[in-house]
PDB file of all heavy atoms in Angstrom:
ATOM      1  N   ALA A   1       0.824  -1.210   0.000  1.00  0.00           N
ATOM      2  CA  ALA A   1       0.000   0.000   0.000  1.00  0.00           C
ATOM      3  C   ALA A   1       0.861   1.264   0.000  1.00  0.00           C
ATOM      4  O   ALA A   1       0.436   2.313  -0.504  1.00  0.00           O
ATOM      5  CB  ALA A   1      -0.931  -0.003   1.200  1.00  0.00           C
ATOM      6  N   LYS A   2       2.052   1.160   0.566  1.00  0.00           N
ATOM      7  CA  LYS A   2       2.935   2.330   0.685  1.00  0.00           C
ATOM      8  C   LYS A   2       4.105   2.292  -0.298  1.00  0.00           C
ATOM      9  O   LYS A   2       4.941   3.197  -0.299  1.00  0.00           O
ATOM     10  CB  LYS A   2       3.476   2.433   2.112  1.00  0.00           C
ATOM     11  CG  LYS A   2       2.404   2.692   3.162  1.00  0.00           C
ATOM     12  CD  LYS A   2       3.016   2.825   4.538  1.00  0.00           C
ATOM     13  CE  LYS A   2       1.952   3.129   5.588  1.00  0.00           C
ATOM     14  NZ  LYS A   2       2.538   3.244   6.952  1.00  0.00           N
ATOM     15  N   ASN A   3       4.188   1.233  -1.102  1.00  0.00           N
ATOM     16  CA  ASN A   3       5.313   1.077  -2.042  1.00  0.00           C
ATOM     17  C   ASN A   3       6.651   1.098  -1.307  1.00  0.00           C
ATOM     18  O   ASN A   3       7.594   1.766  -1.742  1.00  0.00           O
ATOM     19  CB  ASN A   3       5.279   2.152  -3.123  1.00  0.00           C
ATOM     20  CG  ASN A   3       4.167   1.950  -4.130  1.00  0.00           C
ATOM     21  OD1 ASN A   3       3.301   1.101  -3.942  1.00  0.00           O
ATOM     22  ND2 ASN A   3       4.172   2.728  -5.187  1.00  0.00           N
ATOM     23  N   MET A   4       6.703   0.375  -0.211  1.00  0.00           N
ATOM     24  CA  MET A   4       7.905   0.347   0.612  1.00  0.00           C
ATOM     25  C   MET A   4       8.376  -1.086   0.809  1.00  0.00           C
ATOM     26  O   MET A   4       7.569  -2.017   0.930  1.00  0.00           O
ATOM     27  CB  MET A   4       7.640   0.954   1.990  1.00  0.00           C
ATOM     28  CG  MET A   4       7.274   2.416   1.984  1.00  0.00           C
ATOM     29  SD  MET A   4       8.688   3.481   1.587  1.00  0.00           S
ATOM     30  CE  MET A   4       9.754   3.185   2.995  1.00  0.00           C
ATOM     31  N   VAL A   5       9.687  -1.246   0.897  1.00  0.00           N
ATOM     32  CA  VAL A   5      10.280  -2.521   1.271  1.00  0.00           C
ATOM     33  C   VAL A   5      11.314  -2.247   2.359  1.00  0.00           C
ATOM     34  O   VAL A   5      11.966  -1.200   2.347  1.00  0.00           O
ATOM     35  CB  VAL A   5      10.888  -3.253   0.057  1.00  0.00           C
ATOM     36  CG1 VAL A   5      12.002  -2.456  -0.586  1.00  0.00           C
ATOM     37  CG2 VAL A   5      11.365  -4.642   0.433  1.00  0.00           C
ATOM     38  N   TYR A   6      11.419  -3.187   3.291  1.00  0.00           N
ATOM     39  CA  TYR A   6      12.272  -2.994   4.457  1.00  0.00           C
ATOM     40  C   TYR A   6      13.217  -4.186   4.623  1.00  0.00           C
ATOM     41  O   TYR A   6      12.925  -5.305   4.185  1.00  0.00           O
ATOM     42  CB  TYR A   6      11.412  -2.869   5.718  1.00  0.00           C
ATOM     43  CG  TYR A   6      10.337  -1.819   5.621  1.00  0.00           C
ATOM     44  CD1 TYR A   6       9.030  -2.166   5.269  1.00  0.00           C
ATOM     45  CD2 TYR A   6      10.620  -0.488   5.876  1.00  0.00           C
ATOM     46  CE1 TYR A   6       8.036  -1.197   5.175  1.00  0.00           C
ATOM     47  CE2 TYR A   6       9.630   0.487   5.777  1.00  0.00           C
ATOM     48  CZ  TYR A   6       8.344   0.114   5.425  1.00  0.00           C
ATOM     49  OH  TYR A   6       7.369   1.075   5.321  1.00  0.00           O
ATOM     50  N   LEU A   7      14.310  -3.930   5.295  1.00  0.00           N
ATOM     51  CA  LEU A   7      15.222  -4.996   5.678  1.00  0.00           C
ATOM     52  C   LEU A   7      15.615  -4.751   7.130  1.00  0.00           C
ATOM     53  O   LEU A   7      16.350  -3.814   7.424  1.00  0.00           O
ATOM     54  CB  LEU A   7      16.462  -5.031   4.792  1.00  0.00           C
ATOM     55  CG  LEU A   7      17.400  -6.203   5.056  1.00  0.00           C
ATOM     56  CD1 LEU A   7      16.757  -7.520   4.625  1.00  0.00           C
ATOM     57  CD2 LEU A   7      18.736  -6.007   4.323  1.00  0.00           C
ATOM     58  N   ARG A   8      15.102  -5.599   7.999  1.00  0.00           N
ATOM     59  CA  ARG A   8      15.473  -5.534   9.397  1.00  0.00           C
ATOM     60  C   ARG A   8      16.687  -6.413   9.602  1.00  0.00           C
ATOM     61  O   ARG A   8      16.664  -7.601   9.301  1.00  0.00           O
ATOM     62  CB  ARG A   8      14.314  -6.004  10.282  1.00  0.00           C
ATOM     63  CG  ARG A   8      14.656  -6.083  11.777  1.00  0.00           C
ATOM     64  CD  ARG A   8      14.942  -4.742  12.384  1.00  0.00           C
ATOM     65  NE  ARG A   8      15.198  -4.828  13.820  1.00  0.00           N
ATOM     66  CZ  ARG A   8      15.526  -3.783  14.584  1.00  0.00           C
ATOM     67  NH1 ARG A   8      15.657  -2.566  14.038  1.00  0.00           N
ATOM     68  NH2 ARG A   8      15.733  -3.961  15.869  1.00  0.00           N
ATOM     69  N   MET A   9      17.755  -5.822  10.133  1.00  0.00           N
ATOM     70  CA  MET A   9      19.013  -6.536  10.312  1.00  0.00           C
ATOM     71  C   MET A   9      19.358  -6.586  11.791  1.00  0.00           C
ATOM     72  O   MET A   9      19.582  -5.539  12.405  1.00  0.00           O
ATOM     73  CB  MET A   9      20.118  -5.833   9.525  1.00  0.00           C
ATOM     74  CG  MET A   9      19.787  -5.660   8.046  1.00  0.00           C
ATOM     75  SD  MET A   9      21.139  -4.932   7.099  1.00  0.00           S
ATOM     76  CE  MET A   9      21.182  -3.274   7.792  1.00  0.00           C
ATOM     77  N   ASN A  10      19.362  -7.780  12.330  1.00  0.00           N
ATOM     78  CA  ASN A  10      19.737  -8.000  13.726  1.00  0.00           C
ATOM     79  C   ASN A  10      21.056  -8.759  13.804  1.00  0.00           C
ATOM     80  O   ASN A  10      21.458  -9.413  12.835  1.00  0.00           O
ATOM     81  CB  ASN A  10      18.649  -8.812  14.448  1.00  0.00           C
ATOM     82  CG  ASN A  10      17.330  -8.076  14.547  1.00  0.00           C
ATOM     83  OD1 ASN A  10      17.296  -6.854  14.686  1.00  0.00           O
ATOM     84  ND2 ASN A  10      16.235  -8.810  14.472  1.00  0.00           N
ATOM     85  N   GLY A  11      21.685  -8.689  14.948  1.00  0.00           N
ATOM     86  CA  GLY A  11      22.918  -9.432  15.126  1.00  0.00           C
ATOM     87  C   GLY A  11      23.970  -9.112  14.086  1.00  0.00           C
ATOM     88  O   GLY A  11      24.642 -10.004  13.572  1.00  0.00           O
ATOM     89  N   LEU A  12      24.128  -7.837  13.790  1.00  0.00           N
ATOM     90  CA  LEU A  12      25.040  -7.444  12.717  1.00  0.00           C
ATOM     91  C   LEU A  12      26.484  -7.818  13.046  1.00  0.00           C
ATOM     92  O   LEU A  12      26.921  -7.756  14.204  1.00  0.00           O
ATOM     93  CB  LEU A  12      24.913  -5.948  12.448  1.00  0.00           C
ATOM     94  CG  LEU A  12      23.667  -5.582  11.626  1.00  0.00           C
ATOM     95  CD1 LEU A  12      23.335  -4.110  11.785  1.00  0.00           C
ATOM     96  CD2 LEU A  12      23.874  -5.938  10.172  1.00  0.00           C
ATOM     97  N   LYS A  13      27.183  -8.201  11.995  1.00  0.00           N
ATOM     98  CA  LYS A  13      28.583  -8.618  12.091  1.00  0.00           C
ATOM     99  C   LYS A  13      29.440  -7.711  11.224  1.00  0.00           C
ATOM    100  O   LYS A  13      28.933  -7.147  10.241  1.00  0.00           O
ATOM    101  CB  LYS A  13      28.731 -10.063  11.617  1.00  0.00           C
ATOM    102  CG  LYS A  13      27.841 -11.057  12.333  1.00  0.00           C
ATOM    103  CD  LYS A  13      27.973 -12.444  11.715  1.00  0.00           C
ATOM    104  CE  LYS A  13      27.075 -13.461  12.405  1.00  0.00           C
ATOM    105  NZ  LYS A  13      27.199 -14.813  11.801  1.00  0.00           N
ATOM    106  N   PRO A  14      30.734  -7.599  11.528  1.00  0.00           N
ATOM    107  CA  PRO A  14      31.596  -6.773  10.664  1.00  0.00           C
ATOM    108  C   PRO A  14      31.541  -7.198   9.201  1.00  0.00           C
ATOM    109  O   PRO A  14      31.639  -6.338   8.313  1.00  0.00           O
ATOM    110  CB  PRO A  14      32.986  -7.001  11.265  1.00  0.00           C
ATOM    111  CG  PRO A  14      32.715  -7.251  12.707  1.00  0.00           C
ATOM    112  CD  PRO A  14      31.444  -8.058  12.731  1.00  0.00           C
ATOM    113  N   GLU A  15      31.362  -8.467   8.942  1.00  0.00           N
ATOM    114  CA  GLU A  15      31.288  -8.932   7.555  1.00  0.00           C
ATOM    115  C   GLU A  15      29.999  -8.529   6.847  1.00  0.00           C
ATOM    116  O   GLU A  15      29.857  -8.753   5.642  1.00  0.00           O
ATOM    117  CB  GLU A  15      31.471 -10.455   7.477  1.00  0.00           C
ATOM    118  CG  GLU A  15      30.554 -11.259   8.373  1.00  0.00           C
ATOM    119  CD  GLU A  15      31.229 -11.646   9.692  1.00  0.00           C
ATOM    120  OE1 GLU A  15      31.923 -10.782  10.297  1.00  0.00           O
ATOM    121  OE2 GLU A  15      31.035 -12.796  10.125  1.00  0.00           O
ATOM    122  N   ASP A  16      29.064  -7.930   7.556  1.00  0.00           N
ATOM    123  CA  ASP A  16      27.866  -7.379   6.923  1.00  0.00           C
ATOM    124  C   ASP A  16      28.118  -5.975   6.373  1.00  0.00           C
ATOM    125  O   ASP A  16      27.240  -5.410   5.704  1.00  0.00           O
ATOM    126  CB  ASP A  16      26.703  -7.312   7.925  1.00  0.00           C
ATOM    127  CG  ASP A  16      26.231  -8.670   8.379  1.00  0.00           C
ATOM    128  OD1 ASP A  16      26.114  -9.579   7.533  1.00  0.00           O
ATOM    129  OD2 ASP A  16      25.980  -8.825   9.591  1.00  0.00           O
ATOM    130  N   THR A  17      29.292  -5.425   6.630  1.00  0.00           N
ATOM    131  CA  THR A  17      29.636  -4.102   6.119  1.00  0.00           C
ATOM    132  C   THR A  17      29.626  -4.103   4.597  1.00  0.00           C
ATOM    133  O   THR A  17      30.290  -4.923   3.959  1.00  0.00           O
ATOM    134  CB  THR A  17      31.021  -3.669   6.631  1.00  0.00           C
ATOM    135  OG1 THR A  17      30.961  -3.513   8.053  1.00  0.00           O
ATOM    136  CG2 THR A  17      31.462  -2.364   5.992  1.00  0.00           C
ATOM    137  N   ALA A  18      28.836  -3.201   4.037  1.00  0.00           N
ATOM    138  CA  ALA A  18      28.680  -3.149   2.580  1.00  0.00           C
ATOM    139  C   ALA A  18      27.767  -1.982   2.223  1.00  0.00           C
ATOM    140  O   ALA A  18      27.139  -1.379   3.105  1.00  0.00           O
ATOM    141  CB  ALA A  18      28.066  -4.448   2.059  1.00  0.00           C
ATOM    142  N   VAL A  19      27.697  -1.713   0.931  1.00  0.00           N
ATOM    143  CA  VAL A  19      26.645  -0.845   0.413  1.00  0.00           C
ATOM    144  C   VAL A  19      25.457  -1.745   0.076  1.00  0.00           C
ATOM    145  O   VAL A  19      25.608  -2.750  -0.621  1.00  0.00           O
ATOM    146  CB  VAL A  19      27.100  -0.076  -0.831  1.00  0.00           C
ATOM    147  CG1 VAL A  19      25.954   0.774  -1.374  1.00  0.00           C
ATOM    148  CG2 VAL A  19      28.304   0.798  -0.505  1.00  0.00           C
ATOM    149  N   TYR A  20      24.298  -1.378   0.595  1.00  0.00           N
ATOM    150  CA  TYR A  20      23.080  -2.162   0.397  1.00  0.00           C
ATOM    151  C   TYR A  20      22.194  -1.469  -0.644  1.00  0.00           C
ATOM    152  O   TYR A  20      21.920  -0.275  -0.538  1.00  0.00           O
ATOM    153  CB  TYR A  20      22.338  -2.314   1.719  1.00  0.00           C
ATOM    154  CG  TYR A  20      22.988  -3.327   2.631  1.00  0.00           C
ATOM    155  CD1 TYR A  20      24.204  -3.062   3.242  1.00  0.00           C
ATOM    156  CD2 TYR A  20      22.394  -4.562   2.878  1.00  0.00           C
ATOM    157  CE1 TYR A  20      24.828  -3.993   4.056  1.00  0.00           C
ATOM    158  CE2 TYR A  20      22.998  -5.504   3.697  1.00  0.00           C
ATOM    159  CZ  TYR A  20      24.213  -5.211   4.281  1.00  0.00           C
ATOM    160  OH  TYR A  20      24.823  -6.143   5.100  1.00  0.00           O
ATOM    161  N   TYR A  21      21.756  -2.266  -1.617  1.00  0.00           N
ATOM    162  CA  TYR A  21      20.973  -1.747  -2.727  1.00  0.00           C
ATOM    163  C   TYR A  21      19.578  -2.366  -2.730  1.00  0.00           C
ATOM    164  O   TYR A  21      19.420  -3.586  -2.552  1.00  0.00           O
ATOM    165  CB  TYR A  21      21.634  -2.082  -4.054  1.00  0.00           C
ATOM    166  CG  TYR A  21      22.996  -1.481  -4.247  1.00  0.00           C
ATOM    167  CD1 TYR A  21      24.143  -2.157  -3.872  1.00  0.00           C
ATOM    168  CD2 TYR A  21      23.141  -0.215  -4.828  1.00  0.00           C
ATOM    169  CE1 TYR A  21      25.402  -1.607  -4.045  1.00  0.00           C
ATOM    170  CE2 TYR A  21      24.407   0.349  -5.012  1.00  0.00           C
ATOM    171  CZ  TYR A  21      25.518  -0.354  -4.625  1.00  0.00           C
ATOM    172  OH  TYR A  21      26.754   0.202  -4.799  1.00  0.00           O
ATOM    173  N   CYS A  22      18.615  -1.537  -2.979  1.00  0.00           N
ATOM    174  CA  CYS A  22      17.240  -1.990  -3.165  1.00  0.00           C
ATOM    175  C   CYS A  22      17.033  -2.296  -4.650  1.00  0.00           C
ATOM    176  O   CYS A  22      17.541  -1.569  -5.516  1.00  0.00           O
ATOM    177  CB  CYS A  22      16.294  -0.881  -2.714  1.00  0.00           C
ATOM    178  SG  CYS A  22      14.537  -1.205  -2.949  1.00  0.00           S
ATOM    179  N   THR A  23      16.300  -3.361  -4.942  1.00  0.00           N
ATOM    180  CA  THR A  23      16.016  -3.719  -6.328  1.00  0.00           C
ATOM    181  C   THR A  23      14.531  -4.007  -6.518  1.00  0.00           C
ATOM    182  O   THR A  23      13.840  -4.434  -5.595  1.00  0.00           O
ATOM    183  CB  THR A  23      16.805  -4.957  -6.777  1.00  0.00           C
ATOM    184  OG1 THR A  23      16.283  -6.111  -6.100  1.00  0.00           O
ATOM    185  CG2 THR A  23      18.272  -4.818  -6.493  1.00  0.00           C
ATOM    186  N   ALA A  24      14.096  -3.767  -7.745  1.00  0.00           N
ATOM    187  CA  ALA A  24      12.731  -4.114  -8.161  1.00  0.00           C
ATOM    188  C   ALA A  24      12.851  -4.870  -9.479  1.00  0.00           C
ATOM    189  O   ALA A  24      13.474  -4.378 -10.428  1.00  0.00           O
ATOM    190  CB  ALA A  24      11.889  -2.865  -8.335  1.00  0.00           C
ATOM    191  N   VAL A  25      12.285  -6.056  -9.505  1.00  0.00           N
ATOM    192  CA  VAL A  25      12.426  -6.926 -10.677  1.00  0.00           C
ATOM    193  C   VAL A  25      11.056  -7.412 -11.132  1.00  0.00           C
ATOM    194  O   VAL A  25      10.247  -7.863 -10.314  1.00  0.00           O
ATOM    195  CB  VAL A  25      13.319  -8.137 -10.356  1.00  0.00           C
ATOM    196  CG1 VAL A  25      13.429  -9.041 -11.589  1.00  0.00           C
ATOM    197  CG2 VAL A  25      14.694  -7.691  -9.902  1.00  0.00           C
ATOM    198  N   ARG A  26      10.846  -7.315 -12.434  1.00  0.00           N
ATOM    199  CA  ARG A  26       9.677  -7.921 -13.055  1.00  0.00           C
ATOM    200  C   ARG A  26      10.133  -8.398 -14.432  1.00  0.00           C
ATOM    201  O   ARG A  26      11.220  -8.033 -14.876  1.00  0.00           O
ATOM    202  CB  ARG A  26       8.537  -6.912 -13.183  1.00  0.00           C
ATOM    203  CG  ARG A  26       8.848  -5.683 -14.005  1.00  0.00           C
ATOM    204  CD  ARG A  26       7.618  -4.813 -14.192  1.00  0.00           C
ATOM    205  NE  ARG A  26       7.930  -3.564 -14.855  1.00  0.00           N
ATOM    206  CZ  ARG A  26       8.108  -3.420 -16.165  1.00  0.00           C
ATOM    207  NH1 ARG A  26       8.021  -4.476 -16.951  1.00  0.00           N
ATOM    208  NH2 ARG A  26       8.357  -2.235 -16.676  1.00  0.00           N
ATOM    209  N   PRO A  27       9.355  -9.234 -15.099  1.00  0.00           N
ATOM    210  CA  PRO A  27       9.802  -9.722 -16.408  1.00  0.00           C
ATOM    211  C   PRO A  27      10.162  -8.573 -17.341  1.00  0.00           C
ATOM    212  O   PRO A  27       9.357  -7.684 -17.604  1.00  0.00           O
ATOM    213  CB  PRO A  27       8.584 -10.503 -16.903  1.00  0.00           C
ATOM    214  CG  PRO A  27       7.912 -10.978 -15.671  1.00  0.00           C
ATOM    215  CD  PRO A  27       8.095  -9.867 -14.664  1.00  0.00           C
ATOM    216  N   GLY A  28      11.382  -8.572 -17.802  1.00  0.00           N
ATOM    217  CA  GLY A  28      11.820  -7.569 -18.743  1.00  0.00           C
ATOM    218  C   GLY A  28      12.383  -6.299 -18.148  1.00  0.00           C
ATOM    219  O   GLY A  28      12.797  -5.402 -18.889  1.00  0.00           O
ATOM    220  N   ALA A  29      12.431  -6.194 -16.834  1.00  0.00           N
ATOM    221  CA  ALA A  29      12.940  -4.964 -16.223  1.00  0.00           C
ATOM    222  C   ALA A  29      13.567  -5.262 -14.875  1.00  0.00           C
ATOM    223  O   ALA A  29      13.100  -6.137 -14.135  1.00  0.00           O
ATOM    224  CB  ALA A  29      11.810  -3.948 -16.059  1.00  0.00           C
ATOM    225  N   ASN A  30      14.605  -4.501 -14.572  1.00  0.00           N
ATOM    226  CA  ASN A  30      15.339  -4.670 -13.326  1.00  0.00           C
ATOM    227  C   ASN A  30      15.852  -3.300 -12.917  1.00  0.00           C
ATOM    228  O   ASN A  30      16.627  -2.683 -13.647  1.00  0.00           O
ATOM    229  CB  ASN A  30      16.514  -5.639 -13.547  1.00  0.00           C
ATOM    230  CG  ASN A  30      17.200  -6.017 -12.252  1.00  0.00           C
ATOM    231  OD1 ASN A  30      16.966  -5.448 -11.210  1.00  0.00           O
ATOM    232  ND2 ASN A  30      18.078  -7.009 -12.335  1.00  0.00           N
TER     233      ASN A  30
END
């Protein structure tokens, strides 16, 4: 309803360090 997506991250580790990208995929488009 809000066109939102979330990622809840618990127990974070140093190896989770990164740039995080949101994606939207449908047939023929990314």
